[in-house]
């Protein structure tokens, strides 16, 4: 056996995204290079496909969580003709203490966004994409209808492209969740982000039990859809708390789990409490798989959309019952 894994609270300081190690992200956020472990490094994105993707998205006026949240995997994902699109505008109605996305009063929904996004997907010949959004608590259905319109437009313009939703909690609105489960998508995710004890500090405006209920609703409403969630580590959680989250997730039928290191995007967000060693991520993945998750991505730079194209391929190979 693995024995008792090390505690996830050893270093002083407190909680989500302490620096982005990519040079371009650091320059954009104005953050300074902190002292960080040797393994917390990633190459700056580059290449012909990366540049083309950047140009097309800019021409279409589209937002991606890849850039808005300064994701360290942007080069790898764009290089695999995959991306995480941020719909419903770049302004969030909540202010999570770990998140680099702007918050405030959002603009009205842009009705041309689904068609513009679909056009970019077709032009870039994308194979898989994740559609996510900020929290839009100002909208009656939290933006669920817009999610559906986006998925339908993508499938019309690029039927070969698989689609994954990464949805907000919609304030627990079952009808909003029902709406997105009827969309033409392969996976629906909702990130639990952290352990229950840290919600008040890390996820202001959100609720741990409500997030679990969203994942349960998805599975109940459409059992054939794969459900997915992500956890950030390094915010001050303890291993027993992480294991309790896993148990809760399996209790609501969650299929896919991602585990990644919290990295502080700028000085405005919570600092890192602890850098989890790479070997520990490997051990945590093995332990989570034993609990019954069908797929677990676990590593320093893993985010909820990391290698999501592979997860769709795995789903396609599974027999239909």
C-alpha atoms as a PDB file:
ATOM      1  CA  UNK A   1       0.000   0.000   0.000  1.00  0.00           C
ATOM      2  CA  UNK A   2       0.911   3.646  -0.206  1.00  0.00           C
ATOM      3  CA  UNK A   3       0.741   4.150   3.529  1.00  0.00           C
ATOM      4  CA  UNK A   4      -0.466   7.454   4.854  1.00  0.00           C
ATOM      5  CA  UNK A   5       0.247  10.209   2.273  1.00  0.00           C
ATOM      6  CA  UNK A   6       2.008  13.324   3.556  1.00  0.00           C
ATOM      7  CA  UNK A   7      -0.141  16.080   4.956  1.00  0.00           C
ATOM      8  CA  UNK A   8      -1.104  18.776   2.490  1.00  0.00           C
ATOM      9  CA  UNK A   9      -0.353  21.526   4.997  1.00  0.00           C
ATOM     10  CA  UNK A  10       3.301  22.129   5.753  1.00  0.00           C
ATOM     11  CA  UNK A  11       4.325  25.533   4.495  1.00  0.00           C
ATOM     12  CA  UNK A  12       3.226  28.800   6.060  1.00  0.00           C
ATOM     13  CA  UNK A  13       1.231  31.359   4.020  1.00  0.00           C
ATOM     14  CA  UNK A  14      -2.330  31.006   2.776  1.00  0.00           C
ATOM     15  CA  UNK A  15      -4.371  29.801  -0.423  1.00  0.00           C
ATOM     16  CA  UNK A  16      -5.090  29.733  -4.907  1.00  0.00           C
ATOM     17  CA  UNK A  17      -2.622  30.687  -7.796  1.00  0.00           C
ATOM     18  CA  UNK A  18       0.773  32.229  -6.324  1.00  0.00           C
ATOM     19  CA  UNK A  19       2.493  32.897  -9.688  1.00  0.00           C
ATOM     20  CA  UNK A  20       2.209  31.886 -13.200  1.00  0.00           C
ATOM     21  CA  UNK A  21       5.451  30.481 -14.276  1.00  0.00           C
ATOM     22  CA  UNK A  22       4.958  31.245 -17.920  1.00  0.00           C
ATOM     23  CA  UNK A  23       6.773  34.426 -18.844  1.00  0.00           C
ATOM     24  CA  UNK A  24       3.924  35.826 -20.932  1.00  0.00           C
ATOM     25  CA  UNK A  25       1.408  35.287 -18.121  1.00  0.00           C
ATOM     26  CA  UNK A  26       3.640  36.920 -15.560  1.00  0.00           C
ATOM     27  CA  UNK A  27       4.087  39.951 -17.783  1.00  0.00           C
ATOM     28  CA  UNK A  28       0.348  40.261 -18.411  1.00  0.00           C
ATOM     29  CA  UNK A  29      -0.555  39.998 -14.717  1.00  0.00           C
ATOM     30  CA  UNK A  30       2.316  42.150 -13.476  1.00  0.00           C
ATOM     31  CA  UNK A  31       3.315  39.455 -10.963  1.00  0.00           C
ATOM     32  CA  UNK A  32       6.907  38.973  -9.833  1.00  0.00           C
ATOM     33  CA  UNK A  33       8.889  35.717  -9.915  1.00  0.00           C
ATOM     34  CA  UNK A  34       8.548  34.124  -6.464  1.00  0.00           C
ATOM     35  CA  UNK A  35      10.701  31.439  -4.987  1.00  0.00           C
ATOM     36  CA  UNK A  36       9.234  28.202  -6.160  1.00  0.00           C
ATOM     37  CA  UNK A  37      10.338  24.567  -6.436  1.00  0.00           C
ATOM     38  CA  UNK A  38      12.398  23.446  -9.405  1.00  0.00           C
ATOM     39  CA  UNK A  39       9.498  21.376 -10.768  1.00  0.00           C
ATOM     40  CA  UNK A  40       7.209  24.403 -11.045  1.00  0.00           C
ATOM     41  CA  UNK A  41       8.311  25.400 -14.531  1.00  0.00           C
ATOM     42  CA  UNK A  42       6.700  25.355 -17.951  1.00  0.00           C
ATOM     43  CA  UNK A  43       7.835  26.504 -21.355  1.00  0.00           C
ATOM     44  CA  UNK A  44       6.381  29.658 -22.839  1.00  0.00           C
ATOM     45  CA  UNK A  45       3.867  28.807 -25.598  1.00  0.00           C
ATOM     46  CA  UNK A  46       4.958  29.146 -29.204  1.00  0.00           C
ATOM     47  CA  UNK A  47       4.607  27.595 -32.653  1.00  0.00           C
ATOM     48  CA  UNK A  48       2.679  28.168 -35.838  1.00  0.00           C
ATOM     49  CA  UNK A  49      -0.572  26.603 -34.627  1.00  0.00           C
ATOM     50  CA  UNK A  50      -0.436  28.565 -31.378  1.00  0.00           C
ATOM     51  CA  UNK A  51      -0.027  31.846 -33.270  1.00  0.00           C
ATOM     52  CA  UNK A  52      -2.790  31.005 -35.713  1.00  0.00           C
ATOM     53  CA  UNK A  53      -5.153  30.140 -32.862  1.00  0.00           C
ATOM     54  CA  UNK A  54      -4.355  33.391 -31.096  1.00  0.00           C
ATOM     55  CA  UNK A  55      -4.974  35.402 -34.252  1.00  0.00           C
ATOM     56  CA  UNK A  56      -8.273  33.715 -35.143  1.00  0.00           C
ATOM     57  CA  UNK A  57      -9.660  34.101 -31.618  1.00  0.00           C
ATOM     58  CA  UNK A  58      -8.634  37.751 -31.604  1.00  0.00           C
ATOM     59  CA  UNK A  59     -10.269  38.356 -34.995  1.00  0.00           C
ATOM     60  CA  UNK A  60     -13.521  36.805 -33.784  1.00  0.00           C
ATOM     61  CA  UNK A  61     -13.414  38.728 -30.494  1.00  0.00           C
ATOM     62  CA  UNK A  62     -13.527  35.541 -28.419  1.00  0.00           C
ATOM     63  CA  UNK A  63     -12.354  34.922 -24.878  1.00  0.00           C
ATOM     64  CA  UNK A  64     -10.662  31.777 -23.579  1.00  0.00           C
ATOM     65  CA  UNK A  65     -10.109  30.703 -20.017  1.00  0.00           C
ATOM     66  CA  UNK A  66      -6.662  29.721 -21.318  1.00  0.00           C
ATOM     67  CA  UNK A  67      -5.710  33.404 -21.383  1.00  0.00           C
ATOM     68  CA  UNK A  68      -8.184  34.997 -18.950  1.00  0.00           C
ATOM     69  CA  UNK A  69      -7.068  32.647 -16.150  1.00  0.00           C
ATOM     70  CA  UNK A  70      -3.455  32.479 -17.404  1.00  0.00           C
ATOM     71  CA  UNK A  71      -3.452  28.682 -17.717  1.00  0.00           C
ATOM     72  CA  UNK A  72       0.038  27.114 -17.861  1.00  0.00           C
ATOM     73  CA  UNK A  73      -1.123  24.498 -20.404  1.00  0.00           C
ATOM     74  CA  UNK A  74      -2.193  26.920 -23.116  1.00  0.00           C
ATOM     75  CA  UNK A  75       0.598  25.926 -25.509  1.00  0.00           C
ATOM     76  CA  UNK A  76      -0.028  22.182 -25.192  1.00  0.00           C
ATOM     77  CA  UNK A  77      -3.806  22.441 -25.578  1.00  0.00           C
ATOM     78  CA  UNK A  78      -3.753  24.817 -28.539  1.00  0.00           C
ATOM     79  CA  UNK A  79      -1.126  22.581 -30.110  1.00  0.00           C
ATOM     80  CA  UNK A  80      -3.622  19.690 -29.939  1.00  0.00           C
ATOM     81  CA  UNK A  81      -6.348  21.797 -31.590  1.00  0.00           C
ATOM     82  CA  UNK A  82      -8.155  22.116 -28.283  1.00  0.00           C
ATOM     83  CA  UNK A  83      -9.123  25.155 -26.215  1.00  0.00           C
ATOM     84  CA  UNK A  84     -11.349  26.265 -23.349  1.00  0.00           C
ATOM     85  CA  UNK A  85     -13.678  29.014 -24.511  1.00  0.00           C
ATOM     86  CA  UNK A  86     -15.011  31.515 -22.013  1.00  0.00           C
ATOM     87  CA  UNK A  87     -18.539  32.505 -23.016  1.00  0.00           C
ATOM     88  CA  UNK A  88     -20.999  35.031 -21.553  1.00  0.00           C
ATOM     89  CA  UNK A  89     -18.300  37.693 -21.323  1.00  0.00           C
ATOM     90  CA  UNK A  90     -15.106  38.040 -19.277  1.00  0.00           C
ATOM     91  CA  UNK A  91     -16.712  39.679 -16.213  1.00  0.00           C
ATOM     92  CA  UNK A  92     -17.803  37.446 -13.340  1.00  0.00           C
ATOM     93  CA  UNK A  93     -20.531  38.329 -10.827  1.00  0.00           C
ATOM     94  CA  UNK A  94     -18.581  36.593  -8.042  1.00  0.00           C
ATOM     95  CA  UNK A  95     -15.069  37.098  -6.722  1.00  0.00           C
ATOM     96  CA  UNK A  96     -13.398  33.845  -5.771  1.00  0.00           C
ATOM     97  CA  UNK A  97     -10.183  34.496  -3.867  1.00  0.00           C
ATOM     98  CA  UNK A  98      -8.129  32.229  -6.147  1.00  0.00           C
ATOM     99  CA  UNK A  99      -9.381  33.446  -9.515  1.00  0.00           C
ATOM    100  CA  UNK A 100      -7.725  35.922 -11.883  1.00  0.00           C
ATOM    101  CA  UNK A 101     -10.860  36.558 -13.960  1.00  0.00           C
ATOM    102  CA  UNK A 102     -12.247  40.099 -13.633  1.00  0.00           C
ATOM    103  CA  UNK A 103     -15.392  40.582 -11.546  1.00  0.00           C
ATOM    104  CA  UNK A 104     -18.051  43.264 -11.498  1.00  0.00           C
ATOM    105  CA  UNK A 105     -21.190  44.078 -13.511  1.00  0.00           C
ATOM    106  CA  UNK A 106     -21.231  42.053 -16.757  1.00  0.00           C
ATOM    107  CA  UNK A 107     -22.422  43.267 -20.152  1.00  0.00           C
ATOM    108  CA  UNK A 108     -25.619  41.851 -21.723  1.00  0.00           C
ATOM    109  CA  UNK A 109     -25.285  38.540 -23.579  1.00  0.00           C
ATOM    110  CA  UNK A 110     -23.922  38.884 -27.110  1.00  0.00           C
ATOM    111  CA  UNK A 111     -26.335  36.928 -29.373  1.00  0.00           C
ATOM    112  CA  UNK A 112     -23.652  36.621 -32.089  1.00  0.00           C
ATOM    113  CA  UNK A 113     -21.208  34.776 -29.821  1.00  0.00           C
ATOM    114  CA  UNK A 114     -22.331  31.195 -30.699  1.00  0.00           C
ATOM    115  CA  UNK A 115     -21.867  31.793 -34.427  1.00  0.00           C
ATOM    116  CA  UNK A 116     -18.522  33.571 -34.001  1.00  0.00           C
ATOM    117  CA  UNK A 117     -17.229  30.797 -31.772  1.00  0.00           C
ATOM    118  CA  UNK A 118     -18.427  28.100 -34.186  1.00  0.00           C
ATOM    119  CA  UNK A 119     -16.745  29.886 -37.091  1.00  0.00           C
ATOM    120  CA  UNK A 120     -13.419  29.961 -35.216  1.00  0.00           C
ATOM    121  CA  UNK A 121     -13.713  26.278 -34.313  1.00  0.00           C
ATOM    122  CA  UNK A 122     -14.327  25.348 -37.943  1.00  0.00           C
ATOM    123  CA  UNK A 123     -11.498  27.549 -39.249  1.00  0.00           C
ATOM    124  CA  UNK A 124      -9.014  26.096 -36.764  1.00  0.00           C
ATOM    125  CA  UNK A 125     -10.270  22.542 -37.408  1.00  0.00           C
ATOM    126  CA  UNK A 126     -10.512  21.959 -33.684  1.00  0.00           C
ATOM    127  CA  UNK A 127     -10.897  18.390 -32.470  1.00  0.00           C
ATOM    128  CA  UNK A 128     -12.162  19.069 -28.967  1.00  0.00           C
ATOM    129  CA  UNK A 129     -13.066  22.105 -26.942  1.00  0.00           C
ATOM    130  CA  UNK A 130     -14.297  23.023 -23.520  1.00  0.00           C
ATOM    131  CA  UNK A 131     -17.024  25.637 -23.161  1.00  0.00           C
ATOM    132  CA  UNK A 132     -17.029  27.381 -19.809  1.00  0.00           C
ATOM    133  CA  UNK A 133     -18.218  30.670 -18.403  1.00  0.00           C
ATOM    134  CA  UNK A 134     -17.955  33.122 -15.593  1.00  0.00           C
ATOM    135  CA  UNK A 135     -20.717  33.087 -12.994  1.00  0.00           C
ATOM    136  CA  UNK A 136     -23.651  35.070 -14.368  1.00  0.00           C
ATOM    137  CA  UNK A 137     -25.889  35.377 -11.318  1.00  0.00           C
ATOM    138  CA  UNK A 138     -27.512  38.379 -13.029  1.00  0.00           C
ATOM    139  CA  UNK A 139     -29.229  36.129 -15.610  1.00  0.00           C
ATOM    140  CA  UNK A 140     -32.490  34.254 -14.872  1.00  0.00           C
ATOM    141  CA  UNK A 141     -31.033  30.880 -15.878  1.00  0.00           C
ATOM    142  CA  UNK A 142     -27.389  31.704 -15.133  1.00  0.00           C
ATOM    143  CA  UNK A 143     -26.629  31.533 -18.861  1.00  0.00           C
ATOM    144  CA  UNK A 144     -27.688  27.898 -19.359  1.00  0.00           C
ATOM    145  CA  UNK A 145     -29.632  28.661 -22.553  1.00  0.00           C
ATOM    146  CA  UNK A 146     -26.589  30.369 -24.035  1.00  0.00           C
ATOM    147  CA  UNK A 147     -24.455  27.292 -23.299  1.00  0.00           C
ATOM    148  CA  UNK A 148     -26.899  25.214 -25.332  1.00  0.00           C
ATOM    149  CA  UNK A 149     -26.913  27.651 -28.260  1.00  0.00           C
ATOM    150  CA  UNK A 150     -23.109  27.605 -28.329  1.00  0.00           C
ATOM    151  CA  UNK A 151     -22.955  23.787 -28.404  1.00  0.00           C
ATOM    152  CA  UNK A 152     -25.565  23.583 -31.152  1.00  0.00           C
ATOM    153  CA  UNK A 153     -23.719  26.138 -33.288  1.00  0.00           C
ATOM    154  CA  UNK A 154     -20.419  24.286 -32.877  1.00  0.00           C
ATOM    155  CA  UNK A 155     -21.892  20.913 -33.830  1.00  0.00           C
ATOM    156  CA  UNK A 156     -23.506  22.501 -36.890  1.00  0.00           C
ATOM    157  CA  UNK A 157     -20.264  24.130 -38.090  1.00  0.00           C
ATOM    158  CA  UNK A 158     -17.822  21.419 -36.993  1.00  0.00           C
ATOM    159  CA  UNK A 159     -19.615  18.096 -36.389  1.00  0.00           C
ATOM    160  CA  UNK A 160     -16.277  16.294 -35.967  1.00  0.00           C
ATOM    161  CA  UNK A 161     -15.441  18.397 -32.892  1.00  0.00           C
ATOM    162  CA  UNK A 162     -16.312  16.981 -29.484  1.00  0.00           C
ATOM    163  CA  UNK A 163     -17.661  19.429 -26.907  1.00  0.00           C
ATOM    164  CA  UNK A 164     -17.318  19.531 -23.141  1.00  0.00           C
ATOM    165  CA  UNK A 165     -19.187  21.893 -20.824  1.00  0.00           C
ATOM    166  CA  UNK A 166     -17.582  23.239 -17.662  1.00  0.00           C
ATOM    167  CA  UNK A 167     -20.539  24.909 -16.009  1.00  0.00           C
ATOM    168  CA  UNK A 168     -21.058  27.194 -12.993  1.00  0.00           C
ATOM    169  CA  UNK A 169     -23.412  26.074 -10.240  1.00  0.00           C
ATOM    170  CA  UNK A 170     -26.382  28.097 -11.618  1.00  0.00           C
ATOM    171  CA  UNK A 171     -27.229  28.737  -7.942  1.00  0.00           C
ATOM    172  CA  UNK A 172     -28.470  25.154  -7.798  1.00  0.00           C
ATOM    173  CA  UNK A 173     -31.257  25.790 -10.342  1.00  0.00           C
ATOM    174  CA  UNK A 174     -32.328  22.281 -11.441  1.00  0.00           C
ATOM    175  CA  UNK A 175     -34.051  23.578 -14.591  1.00  0.00           C
ATOM    176  CA  UNK A 176     -30.854  25.323 -15.691  1.00  0.00           C
ATOM    177  CA  UNK A 177     -28.900  22.106 -15.134  1.00  0.00           C
ATOM    178  CA  UNK A 178     -31.585  20.145 -17.003  1.00  0.00           C
ATOM    179  CA  UNK A 179     -31.211  22.497 -19.952  1.00  0.00           C
ATOM    180  CA  UNK A 180     -27.467  21.957 -20.336  1.00  0.00           C
ATOM    181  CA  UNK A 181     -27.775  18.157 -20.022  1.00  0.00           C
ATOM    182  CA  UNK A 182     -29.911  18.177 -23.198  1.00  0.00           C
ATOM    183  CA  UNK A 183     -27.189  19.920 -25.229  1.00  0.00           C
ATOM    184  CA  UNK A 184     -25.116  17.945 -27.810  1.00  0.00           C
ATOM    185  CA  UNK A 185     -22.057  17.458 -25.590  1.00  0.00           C
ATOM    186  CA  UNK A 186     -19.915  14.526 -24.507  1.00  0.00           C
ATOM    187  CA  UNK A 187     -18.838  15.611 -20.992  1.00  0.00           C
ATOM    188  CA  UNK A 188     -20.245  18.047 -18.426  1.00  0.00           C
ATOM    189  CA  UNK A 189     -18.012  19.246 -15.638  1.00  0.00           C
ATOM    190  CA  UNK A 190     -18.448  21.432 -12.598  1.00  0.00           C
ATOM    191  CA  UNK A 191     -15.417  22.143 -10.420  1.00  0.00           C
ATOM    192  CA  UNK A 192     -15.602  21.520  -6.699  1.00  0.00           C
ATOM    193  CA  UNK A 193     -12.235  23.393  -6.473  1.00  0.00           C
ATOM    194  CA  UNK A 194     -11.381  22.832  -2.802  1.00  0.00           C
ATOM    195  CA  UNK A 195     -12.408  21.127   0.436  1.00  0.00           C
ATOM    196  CA  UNK A 196     -15.539  22.113   2.321  1.00  0.00           C
ATOM    197  CA  UNK A 197     -13.699  23.850   5.174  1.00  0.00           C
ATOM    198  CA  UNK A 198     -12.003  26.337   2.838  1.00  0.00           C
ATOM    199  CA  UNK A 199     -15.080  27.406   0.863  1.00  0.00           C
ATOM    200  CA  UNK A 200     -15.677  30.601   2.828  1.00  0.00           C
ATOM    201  CA  UNK A 201     -12.113  31.717   2.181  1.00  0.00           C
ATOM    202  CA  UNK A 202     -11.564  30.406  -1.328  1.00  0.00           C
ATOM    203  CA  UNK A 203     -14.997  30.359  -3.020  1.00  0.00           C
ATOM    204  CA  UNK A 204     -17.015  33.263  -1.686  1.00  0.00           C
ATOM    205  CA  UNK A 205     -20.554  33.124  -3.073  1.00  0.00           C
ATOM    206  CA  UNK A 206     -20.385  29.377  -3.711  1.00  0.00           C
ATOM    207  CA  UNK A 207     -21.452  26.422  -1.593  1.00  0.00           C
ATOM    208  CA  UNK A 208     -19.813  22.997  -1.289  1.00  0.00           C
ATOM    209  CA  UNK A 209     -23.041  21.015  -0.926  1.00  0.00           C
ATOM    210  CA  UNK A 210     -24.635  22.919  -3.819  1.00  0.00           C
ATOM    211  CA  UNK A 211     -21.730  22.021  -6.094  1.00  0.00           C
ATOM    212  CA  UNK A 212     -22.128  18.355  -5.181  1.00  0.00           C
ATOM    213  CA  UNK A 213     -25.842  18.606  -5.935  1.00  0.00           C
ATOM    214  CA  UNK A 214     -25.110  20.043  -9.397  1.00  0.00           C
ATOM    215  CA  UNK A 215     -22.956  17.018 -10.215  1.00  0.00           C
ATOM    216  CA  UNK A 216     -25.659  14.705  -8.861  1.00  0.00           C
ATOM    217  CA  UNK A 217     -28.361  16.467 -10.917  1.00  0.00           C
ATOM    218  CA  UNK A 218     -26.383  16.019 -14.133  1.00  0.00           C
ATOM    219  CA  UNK A 219     -26.020  12.278 -13.579  1.00  0.00           C
ATOM    220  CA  UNK A 220     -29.661  11.828 -12.615  1.00  0.00           C
ATOM    221  CA  UNK A 221     -30.947  13.833 -15.577  1.00  0.00           C
ATOM    222  CA  UNK A 222     -28.693  12.164 -18.148  1.00  0.00           C
ATOM    223  CA  UNK A 223     -26.853   9.052 -16.865  1.00  0.00           C
ATOM    224  CA  UNK A 224     -25.024   8.587 -20.183  1.00  0.00           C
ATOM    225  CA  UNK A 225     -23.118  11.881 -19.839  1.00  0.00           C
ATOM    226  CA  UNK A 226     -19.716  11.681 -18.183  1.00  0.00           C
ATOM    227  CA  UNK A 227     -19.435  14.033 -15.203  1.00  0.00           C
ATOM    228  CA  UNK A 228     -16.202  15.689 -14.201  1.00  0.00           C
ATOM    229  CA  UNK A 229     -14.740  17.914 -11.508  1.00  0.00           C
ATOM    230  CA  UNK A 230     -11.440  19.465 -10.487  1.00  0.00           C
ATOM    231  CA  UNK A 231      -9.596  20.098  -7.211  1.00  0.00           C
ATOM    232  CA  UNK A 232      -6.764  22.549  -6.548  1.00  0.00           C
ATOM    233  CA  UNK A 233      -4.170  21.503  -3.999  1.00  0.00           C
ATOM    234  CA  UNK A 234      -1.886  23.749  -2.000  1.00  0.00           C
ATOM    235  CA  UNK A 235      -4.541  25.960  -0.423  1.00  0.00           C
ATOM    236  CA  UNK A 236      -4.163  24.650   3.115  1.00  0.00           C
ATOM    237  CA  UNK A 237      -6.242  21.481   2.863  1.00  0.00           C
ATOM    238  CA  UNK A 238      -5.342  18.262   4.677  1.00  0.00           C
ATOM    239  CA  UNK A 239      -5.200  14.813   3.095  1.00  0.00           C
ATOM    240  CA  UNK A 240      -8.156  13.557   5.134  1.00  0.00           C
ATOM    241  CA  UNK A 241     -10.244  16.436   3.798  1.00  0.00           C
ATOM    242  CA  UNK A 242      -9.219  15.669   0.204  1.00  0.00           C
ATOM    243  CA  UNK A 243     -10.146  12.016   0.680  1.00  0.00           C
ATOM    244  CA  UNK A 244     -13.523  13.086   2.085  1.00  0.00           C
ATOM    245  CA  UNK A 245     -14.146  15.155  -1.056  1.00  0.00           C
ATOM    246  CA  UNK A 246     -13.330  12.150  -3.232  1.00  0.00           C
ATOM    247  CA  UNK A 247     -15.803  10.052  -1.267  1.00  0.00           C
ATOM    248  CA  UNK A 248     -18.495  12.717  -1.678  1.00  0.00           C
ATOM    249  CA  UNK A 249     -17.802  12.913  -5.423  1.00  0.00           C
ATOM    250  CA  UNK A 250     -18.093   9.188  -5.916  1.00  0.00           C
ATOM    251  CA  UNK A 251     -21.297   9.337  -3.892  1.00  0.00           C
ATOM    252  CA  UNK A 252     -22.853  11.581  -6.559  1.00  0.00           C
ATOM    253  CA  UNK A 253     -21.507   9.462  -9.410  1.00  0.00           C
ATOM    254  CA  UNK A 254     -18.683  11.730 -10.593  1.00  0.00           C
ATOM    255  CA  UNK A 255     -16.626   9.952 -13.271  1.00  0.00           C
ATOM    256  CA  UNK A 256     -13.565  12.106 -14.013  1.00  0.00           C
ATOM    257  CA  UNK A 257     -11.300  13.905 -11.536  1.00  0.00           C
ATOM    258  CA  UNK A 258      -8.478  16.390 -12.044  1.00  0.00           C
ATOM    259  CA  UNK A 259      -5.945  17.313  -9.343  1.00  0.00           C
ATOM    260  CA  UNK A 260      -3.596  20.244  -9.834  1.00  0.00           C
ATOM    261  CA  UNK A 261      -1.317  22.628  -7.981  1.00  0.00           C
ATOM    262  CA  UNK A 262      -2.804  25.989  -7.083  1.00  0.00           C
ATOM    263  CA  UNK A 263      -0.602  28.737  -8.573  1.00  0.00           C
ATOM    264  CA  UNK A 264      -1.242  32.344  -7.646  1.00  0.00           C
ATOM    265  CA  UNK A 265      -2.001  34.370 -10.817  1.00  0.00           C
ATOM    266  CA  UNK A 266      -1.110  37.757  -9.297  1.00  0.00           C
ATOM    267  CA  UNK A 267      -0.613  39.503  -5.963  1.00  0.00           C
ATOM    268  CA  UNK A 268      -4.352  40.104  -5.692  1.00  0.00           C
ATOM    269  CA  UNK A 269      -5.182  36.431  -5.219  1.00  0.00           C
ATOM    270  CA  UNK A 270      -4.499  34.094  -2.316  1.00  0.00           C
ATOM    271  CA  UNK A 271      -0.894  32.940  -1.931  1.00  0.00           C
ATOM    272  CA  UNK A 272       0.169  29.311  -2.120  1.00  0.00           C
ATOM    273  CA  UNK A 273       0.284  27.446   1.185  1.00  0.00           C
ATOM    274  CA  UNK A 274       2.198  24.441  -0.115  1.00  0.00           C
ATOM    275  CA  UNK A 275       3.747  23.149  -3.325  1.00  0.00           C
ATOM    276  CA  UNK A 276       2.781  19.493  -3.701  1.00  0.00           C
ATOM    277  CA  UNK A 277       5.730  17.359  -4.937  1.00  0.00           C
ATOM    278  CA  UNK A 278       5.260  15.525  -8.283  1.00  0.00           C
ATOM    279  CA  UNK A 279       5.587  12.098  -6.656  1.00  0.00           C
ATOM    280  CA  UNK A 280       2.741  12.933  -4.311  1.00  0.00           C
ATOM    281  CA  UNK A 281       0.508  13.766  -7.252  1.00  0.00           C
ATOM    282  CA  UNK A 282       1.272  10.308  -8.654  1.00  0.00           C
ATOM    283  CA  UNK A 283       0.332   8.648  -5.359  1.00  0.00           C
ATOM    284  CA  UNK A 284      -2.863  10.689  -5.098  1.00  0.00           C
ATOM    285  CA  UNK A 285      -3.877   9.670  -8.618  1.00  0.00           C
ATOM    286  CA  UNK A 286      -3.422   5.983  -7.805  1.00  0.00           C
ATOM    287  CA  UNK A 287      -5.442   6.352  -4.615  1.00  0.00           C
ATOM    288  CA  UNK A 288      -8.274   8.205  -6.409  1.00  0.00           C
ATOM    289  CA  UNK A 289      -8.429   5.571  -9.159  1.00  0.00           C
ATOM    290  CA  UNK A 290      -8.878   2.873  -6.521  1.00  0.00           C
ATOM    291  CA  UNK A 291     -12.007   4.695  -5.359  1.00  0.00           C
ATOM    292  CA  UNK A 292     -13.605   4.130  -8.761  1.00  0.00           C
ATOM    293  CA  UNK A 293     -13.050   7.276 -10.842  1.00  0.00           C
ATOM    294  CA  UNK A 294     -12.872   6.247 -14.498  1.00  0.00           C
ATOM    295  CA  UNK A 295     -10.107   8.759 -15.251  1.00  0.00           C
ATOM    296  CA  UNK A 296      -7.827  10.866 -13.034  1.00  0.00           C
ATOM    297  CA  UNK A 297      -5.399  13.551 -14.204  1.00  0.00           C
ATOM    298  CA  UNK A 298      -3.025  14.548 -11.414  1.00  0.00           C
ATOM    299  CA  UNK A 299       0.003  16.821 -11.593  1.00  0.00           C
ATOM    300  CA  UNK A 300       1.440  20.253 -10.926  1.00  0.00           C
ATOM    301  CA  UNK A 301       0.033  21.925 -14.032  1.00  0.00           C
ATOM    302  CA  UNK A 302      -3.149  19.876 -14.377  1.00  0.00           C
ATOM    303  CA  UNK A 303      -6.279  21.976 -14.799  1.00  0.00           C
ATOM    304  CA  UNK A 304      -9.875  20.863 -15.343  1.00  0.00           C
ATOM    305  CA  UNK A 305      -9.520  20.869 -19.133  1.00  0.00           C
ATOM    306  CA  UNK A 306      -6.059  19.258 -19.216  1.00  0.00           C
ATOM    307  CA  UNK A 307      -5.891  16.515 -21.863  1.00  0.00           C
ATOM    308  CA  UNK A 308      -9.668  16.548 -22.025  1.00  0.00           C
ATOM    309  CA  UNK A 309      -9.499  15.383 -25.632  1.00  0.00           C
ATOM    310  CA  UNK A 310      -8.127  12.061 -24.390  1.00  0.00           C
ATOM    311  CA  UNK A 311     -10.992  11.658 -21.937  1.00  0.00           C
ATOM    312  CA  UNK A 312     -13.508  12.007 -24.779  1.00  0.00           C
ATOM    313  CA  UNK A 313     -11.658   9.350 -26.777  1.00  0.00           C
ATOM    314  CA  UNK A 314     -11.803   7.001 -23.786  1.00  0.00           C
ATOM    315  CA  UNK A 315     -15.537   7.599 -23.494  1.00  0.00           C
ATOM    316  CA  UNK A 316     -16.039   6.758 -27.164  1.00  0.00           C
ATOM    317  CA  UNK A 317     -14.288   3.400 -26.686  1.00  0.00           C
ATOM    318  CA  UNK A 318     -16.580   2.369 -23.812  1.00  0.00           C
ATOM    319  CA  UNK A 319     -19.372  -0.064 -24.728  1.00  0.00           C
ATOM    320  CA  UNK A 320     -22.907   1.308 -24.709  1.00  0.00           C
ATOM    321  CA  UNK A 321     -25.024  -0.550 -22.163  1.00  0.00           C
END
